[in-house]
C-alpha atoms as a PDB file:
ATOM      1  CA  MET A   1      12.344  -8.510 -39.117  1.00  0.00           C
ATOM      2  CA  GLN A   2      11.548 -10.696 -42.061  1.00  0.00           C
ATOM      3  CA  THR A   3       7.967 -11.241 -43.284  1.00  0.00           C
ATOM      4  CA  ILE A   4       6.413 -14.406 -41.975  1.00  0.00           C
ATOM      5  CA  THR A   5       3.963 -16.454 -43.925  1.00  0.00           C
ATOM      6  CA  PRO A   6       1.077 -17.903 -41.840  1.00  0.00           C
ATOM      7  CA  ASN A   7       0.459 -21.663 -42.155  1.00  0.00           C
ATOM      8  CA  SER A   8      -2.222 -23.963 -40.713  1.00  0.00           C
ATOM      9  CA  ARG A   9      -0.035 -25.533 -37.964  1.00  0.00           C
ATOM     10  CA  GLU A  10      -1.503 -24.848 -34.584  1.00  0.00           C
ATOM     11  CA  LYS A  11       0.463 -24.748 -31.190  1.00  0.00           C
ATOM     12  CA  VAL A  12      -1.833 -25.426 -28.237  1.00  0.00           C
ATOM     13  CA  MET A  13      -1.181 -24.192 -24.703  1.00  0.00           C
ATOM     14  CA  LYS A  14      -1.205 -26.576 -21.845  1.00  0.00           C
ATOM     15  CA  LYS A  15      -3.922 -26.066 -19.204  1.00  0.00           C
ATOM     16  CA  ASP A  16      -1.376 -24.690 -16.667  1.00  0.00           C
ATOM     17  CA  ASP A  17       0.683 -22.636 -19.056  1.00  0.00           C
ATOM     18  CA  PHE A  18       0.761 -18.874 -18.434  1.00  0.00           C
ATOM     19  CA  ILE A  19       2.337 -16.541 -21.079  1.00  0.00           C
ATOM     20  CA  VAL A  20       3.576 -13.358 -19.375  1.00  0.00           C
ATOM     21  CA  SER A  21       4.976 -10.197 -20.848  1.00  0.00           C
ATOM     22  CA  LYS A  22       5.433  -6.559 -20.024  1.00  0.00           C
ATOM     23  CA  THR A  23       5.715  -3.587 -22.382  1.00  0.00           C
ATOM     24  CA  ASP A  24       6.568   0.084 -22.215  1.00  0.00           C
ATOM     25  CA  LEU A  25       4.128   2.809 -23.035  1.00  0.00           C
ATOM     26  CA  GLN A  26       4.644   2.250 -26.772  1.00  0.00           C
ATOM     27  CA  GLY A  27       3.947  -1.432 -26.593  1.00  0.00           C
ATOM     28  CA  LYS A  28       7.620  -2.576 -26.866  1.00  0.00           C
ATOM     29  CA  ILE A  29       8.403  -5.666 -24.919  1.00  0.00           C
ATOM     30  CA  THR A  30      10.365  -5.146 -21.710  1.00  0.00           C
ATOM     31  CA  TYR A  31       9.933  -8.632 -20.300  1.00  0.00           C
ATOM     32  CA  CYS A  32       8.820 -12.015 -21.443  1.00  0.00           C
ATOM     33  CA  ASN A  33       8.664 -15.396 -19.740  1.00  0.00           C
ATOM     34  CA  GLU A  34      10.071 -18.615 -21.192  1.00  0.00           C
ATOM     35  CA  ILE A  35       6.704 -19.886 -22.350  1.00  0.00           C
ATOM     36  CA  PHE A  36       6.144 -16.736 -24.399  1.00  0.00           C
ATOM     37  CA  MET A  37       9.564 -17.242 -26.006  1.00  0.00           C
ATOM     38  CA  ASP A  38       8.648 -20.882 -26.753  1.00  0.00           C
ATOM     39  CA  PHE A  39       5.275 -20.001 -28.422  1.00  0.00           C
ATOM     40  CA  ALA A  40       6.745 -17.019 -30.300  1.00  0.00           C
ATOM     41  CA  GLY A  41       9.606 -19.193 -31.488  1.00  0.00           C
ATOM     42  CA  LEU A  42      11.975 -16.369 -30.687  1.00  0.00           C
ATOM     43  CA  SER A  43      14.780 -15.766 -28.079  1.00  0.00           C
ATOM     44  CA  GLU A  44      14.541 -13.183 -25.393  1.00  0.00           C
ATOM     45  CA  LYS A  45      17.196 -11.122 -27.259  1.00  0.00           C
ATOM     46  CA  LYS A  46      14.931 -11.194 -30.411  1.00  0.00           C
ATOM     47  CA  LEU A  47      11.785 -10.202 -28.429  1.00  0.00           C
ATOM     48  CA  LEU A  48      13.060  -7.489 -26.107  1.00  0.00           C
ATOM     49  CA  ASN A  49      12.517  -3.990 -27.413  1.00  0.00           C
ATOM     50  CA  GLN A  50      10.384  -5.175 -30.174  1.00  0.00           C
ATOM     51  CA  PRO A  51       6.788  -4.072 -30.575  1.00  0.00           C
ATOM     52  CA  HIS A  52       4.379  -6.663 -29.065  1.00  0.00           C
ATOM     53  CA  LYS A  53       2.715  -6.899 -32.386  1.00  0.00           C
ATOM     54  CA  ILE A  54       5.655  -9.004 -33.555  1.00  0.00           C
ATOM     55  CA  VAL A  55       3.416 -11.936 -32.718  1.00  0.00           C
ATOM     56  CA  ARG A  56       0.290 -10.522 -34.185  1.00  0.00           C
ATOM     57  CA  HIS A  57      -1.512 -12.961 -36.657  1.00  0.00           C
ATOM     58  CA  PRO A  58      -2.809 -11.243 -39.750  1.00  0.00           C
ATOM     59  CA  GLU A  59      -6.218 -12.868 -39.050  1.00  0.00           C
ATOM     60  CA  MET A  60      -6.772 -10.716 -35.920  1.00  0.00           C
ATOM     61  CA  PRO A  61      -9.366  -8.010 -36.457  1.00  0.00           C
ATOM     62  CA  SER A  62      -7.736  -4.551 -35.740  1.00  0.00           C
ATOM     63  CA  ILE A  63     -10.881  -3.484 -33.769  1.00  0.00           C
ATOM     64  CA  ILE A  64      -9.882  -5.913 -31.054  1.00  0.00           C
ATOM     65  CA  PHE A  65      -6.551  -3.993 -30.535  1.00  0.00           C
ATOM     66  CA  LYS A  66      -8.337  -0.683 -30.869  1.00  0.00           C
ATOM     67  CA  LEU A  67     -10.633  -1.691 -27.985  1.00  0.00           C
ATOM     68  CA  LEU A  68      -7.712  -3.155 -26.033  1.00  0.00           C
ATOM     69  CA  TRP A  69      -5.630   0.046 -26.318  1.00  0.00           C
ATOM     70  CA  GLU A  70      -8.626   2.319 -25.337  1.00  0.00           C
ATOM     71  CA  ARG A  71      -9.232   0.199 -22.249  1.00  0.00           C
ATOM     72  CA  ILE A  72      -5.621  -0.039 -20.942  1.00  0.00           C
ATOM     73  CA  LYS A  73      -4.833   3.610 -21.643  1.00  0.00           C
ATOM     74  CA  ALA A  74      -7.812   4.374 -19.474  1.00  0.00           C
ATOM     75  CA  LYS A  75      -6.445   2.099 -16.704  1.00  0.00           C
ATOM     76  CA  ASN A  76      -9.226  -0.425 -17.287  1.00  0.00           C
ATOM     77  CA  GLU A  77      -8.250  -4.105 -17.649  1.00  0.00           C
ATOM     78  CA  ILE A  78      -9.341  -6.134 -20.585  1.00  0.00           C
ATOM     79  CA  PHE A  79      -9.826  -9.749 -21.299  1.00  0.00           C
ATOM     80  CA  ALA A  80      -9.498 -10.763 -24.948  1.00  0.00           C
ATOM     81  CA  TYR A  81      -9.019 -13.817 -27.174  1.00  0.00           C
ATOM     82  CA  VAL A  82      -6.148 -13.357 -29.432  1.00  0.00           C
ATOM     83  CA  LYS A  83      -4.722 -15.349 -32.259  1.00  0.00           C
ATOM     84  CA  ASN A  84      -0.935 -14.959 -32.346  1.00  0.00           C
ATOM     85  CA  MET A  85       1.643 -16.099 -34.808  1.00  0.00           C
ATOM     86  CA  SER A  86       5.037 -17.920 -34.168  1.00  0.00           C
ATOM     87  CA  SER A  87       8.163 -17.185 -36.103  1.00  0.00           C
ATOM     88  CA  ASP A  88       7.617 -20.309 -38.135  1.00  0.00           C
ATOM     89  CA  GLY A  89       4.187 -19.177 -39.294  1.00  0.00           C
ATOM     90  CA  SER A  90       2.320 -21.501 -37.008  1.00  0.00           C
ATOM     91  CA  TYR A  91      -0.468 -19.966 -34.808  1.00  0.00           C
ATOM     92  CA  TYR A  92      -1.695 -20.151 -31.231  1.00  0.00           C
ATOM     93  CA  TRP A  93      -4.771 -18.925 -29.524  1.00  0.00           C
ATOM     94  CA  ILE A  94      -4.615 -17.351 -26.092  1.00  0.00           C
ATOM     95  CA  TYR A  95      -7.039 -15.730 -23.563  1.00  0.00           C
ATOM     96  CA  ALA A  96      -5.358 -12.564 -22.491  1.00  0.00           C
ATOM     97  CA  ASN A  97      -5.701 -10.356 -19.464  1.00  0.00           C
ATOM     98  CA  VAL A  98      -3.978  -7.020 -20.048  1.00  0.00           C
ATOM     99  CA  THR A  99      -3.689  -4.194 -17.475  1.00  0.00           C
ATOM    100  CA  ALA A 100      -1.838  -0.893 -17.111  1.00  0.00           C
ATOM    101  CA  SER A 101       1.178  -0.788 -14.751  1.00  0.00           C
ATOM    102  CA  VAL A 102       1.229   2.331 -12.634  1.00  0.00           C
ATOM    103  CA  ASP A 103       3.742   4.080 -10.503  1.00  0.00           C
ATOM    104  CA  ALA A 104       3.273   5.371  -6.975  1.00  0.00           C
ATOM    105  CA  ASN A 105       1.606   8.516  -8.365  1.00  0.00           C
ATOM    106  CA  ASP A 106      -0.895   6.385 -10.453  1.00  0.00           C
ATOM    107  CA  ASN A 107       0.910   7.296 -13.703  1.00  0.00           C
ATOM    108  CA  ILE A 108       0.978   4.525 -16.374  1.00  0.00           C
ATOM    109  CA  ILE A 109       4.563   3.376 -16.837  1.00  0.00           C
ATOM    110  CA  GLY A 110       3.858   0.324 -19.088  1.00  0.00           C
ATOM    111  CA  TYR A 111       1.456  -2.653 -19.525  1.00  0.00           C
ATOM    112  CA  TYR A 112       1.309  -6.199 -18.215  1.00  0.00           C
ATOM    113  CA  SER A 113      -0.269  -9.230 -19.773  1.00  0.00           C
ATOM    114  CA  VAL A 114      -0.920 -12.679 -18.666  1.00  0.00           C
ATOM    115  CA  ARG A 115      -2.292 -15.196 -21.168  1.00  0.00           C
ATOM    116  CA  ARG A 116      -3.641 -18.642 -20.696  1.00  0.00           C
ATOM    117  CA  LYS A 117      -5.228 -21.423 -22.651  1.00  0.00           C
ATOM    118  CA  PRO A 118      -8.661 -20.374 -24.056  1.00  0.00           C
ATOM    119  CA  SER A 119     -11.573 -22.646 -23.660  1.00  0.00           C
ATOM    120  CA  ASP A 120     -12.579 -24.760 -26.718  1.00  0.00           C
ATOM    121  CA  SER A 121     -16.185 -23.678 -26.537  1.00  0.00           C
ATOM    122  CA  ALA A 122     -15.191 -19.944 -26.434  1.00  0.00           C
ATOM    123  CA  LEU A 123     -12.892 -20.457 -29.482  1.00  0.00           C
ATOM    124  CA  ASN A 124     -15.833 -21.945 -31.367  1.00  0.00           C
ATOM    125  CA  THR A 125     -17.692 -18.666 -31.055  1.00  0.00           C
ATOM    126  CA  ILE A 126     -14.588 -16.406 -31.368  1.00  0.00           C
ATOM    127  CA  ARG A 127     -13.300 -17.916 -34.663  1.00  0.00           C
ATOM    128  CA  ASP A 128     -16.644 -17.126 -36.371  1.00  0.00           C
ATOM    129  CA  LEU A 129     -16.925 -13.722 -34.804  1.00  0.00           C
ATOM    130  CA  TYR A 130     -13.344 -12.621 -35.854  1.00  0.00           C
ATOM    131  CA  LYS A 131     -13.860 -13.959 -39.309  1.00  0.00           C
ATOM    132  CA  THR A 132     -16.980 -11.730 -39.679  1.00  0.00           C
ATOM    133  CA  LEU A 133     -15.094  -8.800 -38.167  1.00  0.00           C
ATOM    134  CA  LEU A 134     -12.268  -9.228 -40.633  1.00  0.00           C
ATOM    135  CA  GLU A 135     -14.605  -9.484 -43.596  1.00  0.00           C
ATOM    136  CA  LYS A 136     -16.213  -6.190 -42.563  1.00  0.00           C
ATOM    137  CA  GLU A 137     -13.050  -4.441 -41.572  1.00  0.00           C
ATOM    138  CA  GLY A 138     -12.335  -2.895 -44.976  1.00  0.00           C
ATOM    139  CA  LEU A 139     -15.801  -1.395 -45.243  1.00  0.00           C
ATOM    140  CA  ASN A 140     -16.569   2.193 -44.136  1.00  0.00           C
ATOM    141  CA  TYR A 141     -19.689   2.935 -42.147  1.00  0.00           C
ATOM    142  CA  ASP A 142     -22.008   3.484 -45.185  1.00  0.00           C
ATOM    143  CA  GLN A 143     -20.774   0.400 -46.968  1.00  0.00           C
ATOM    144  CA  PHE A 144     -21.349  -1.652 -43.807  1.00  0.00           C
ATOM    145  CA  MET A 145     -24.875  -0.243 -43.267  1.00  0.00           C
ATOM    146  CA  ASN A 146     -25.781  -0.901 -46.952  1.00  0.00           C
ATOM    147  CA  SER A 147     -24.352  -4.606 -46.709  1.00  0.00           C
ATOM    148  CA  LEU A 148     -26.689  -5.055 -43.685  1.00  0.00           C
ATOM    149  CA  GLN A 149     -29.651  -3.701 -45.534  1.00  0.00           C
ATOM    150  CA  HIS A 150     -29.054  -6.058 -48.475  1.00  0.00           C
ATOM    151  CA  GLY A 151     -28.748  -9.201 -46.449  1.00  0.00           C
ATOM    152  CA  GLY A 152     -25.106  -9.046 -45.373  1.00  0.00           C
ATOM    153  CA  VAL A 153     -23.970  -9.543 -41.803  1.00  0.00           C
END
């Protein structure tokens, strides 16, 4: 897929919208609802069998996805705020619930996610937190500890 340049246009979910998707064990999309297609700006044909990260915004800290994968691979659900990107470069925030889908023998066979509109008050906190996480993401442990010692956050 072509490289998308992020822009400052925001798409906002309606209060009653639910974005739903399912993925296989590798995170490739096996199902997506129409609202997901609308926000992604992509057809079902262009979304199916693609890695779910096709909608990942570059301003998302990778530590959030590390935590997400650790939790769902252990069959624990997770709630997370995520900034996604549409095919036109616009962005949209979601409040996601992600769980493992299991078969009759309790083996993970895929993952299921339902996303809704995040609260404005939560986003006020999350935007600042994610900005800080992104700023520190390129630092190794020692660099991070030294920046804390010298007045950084």
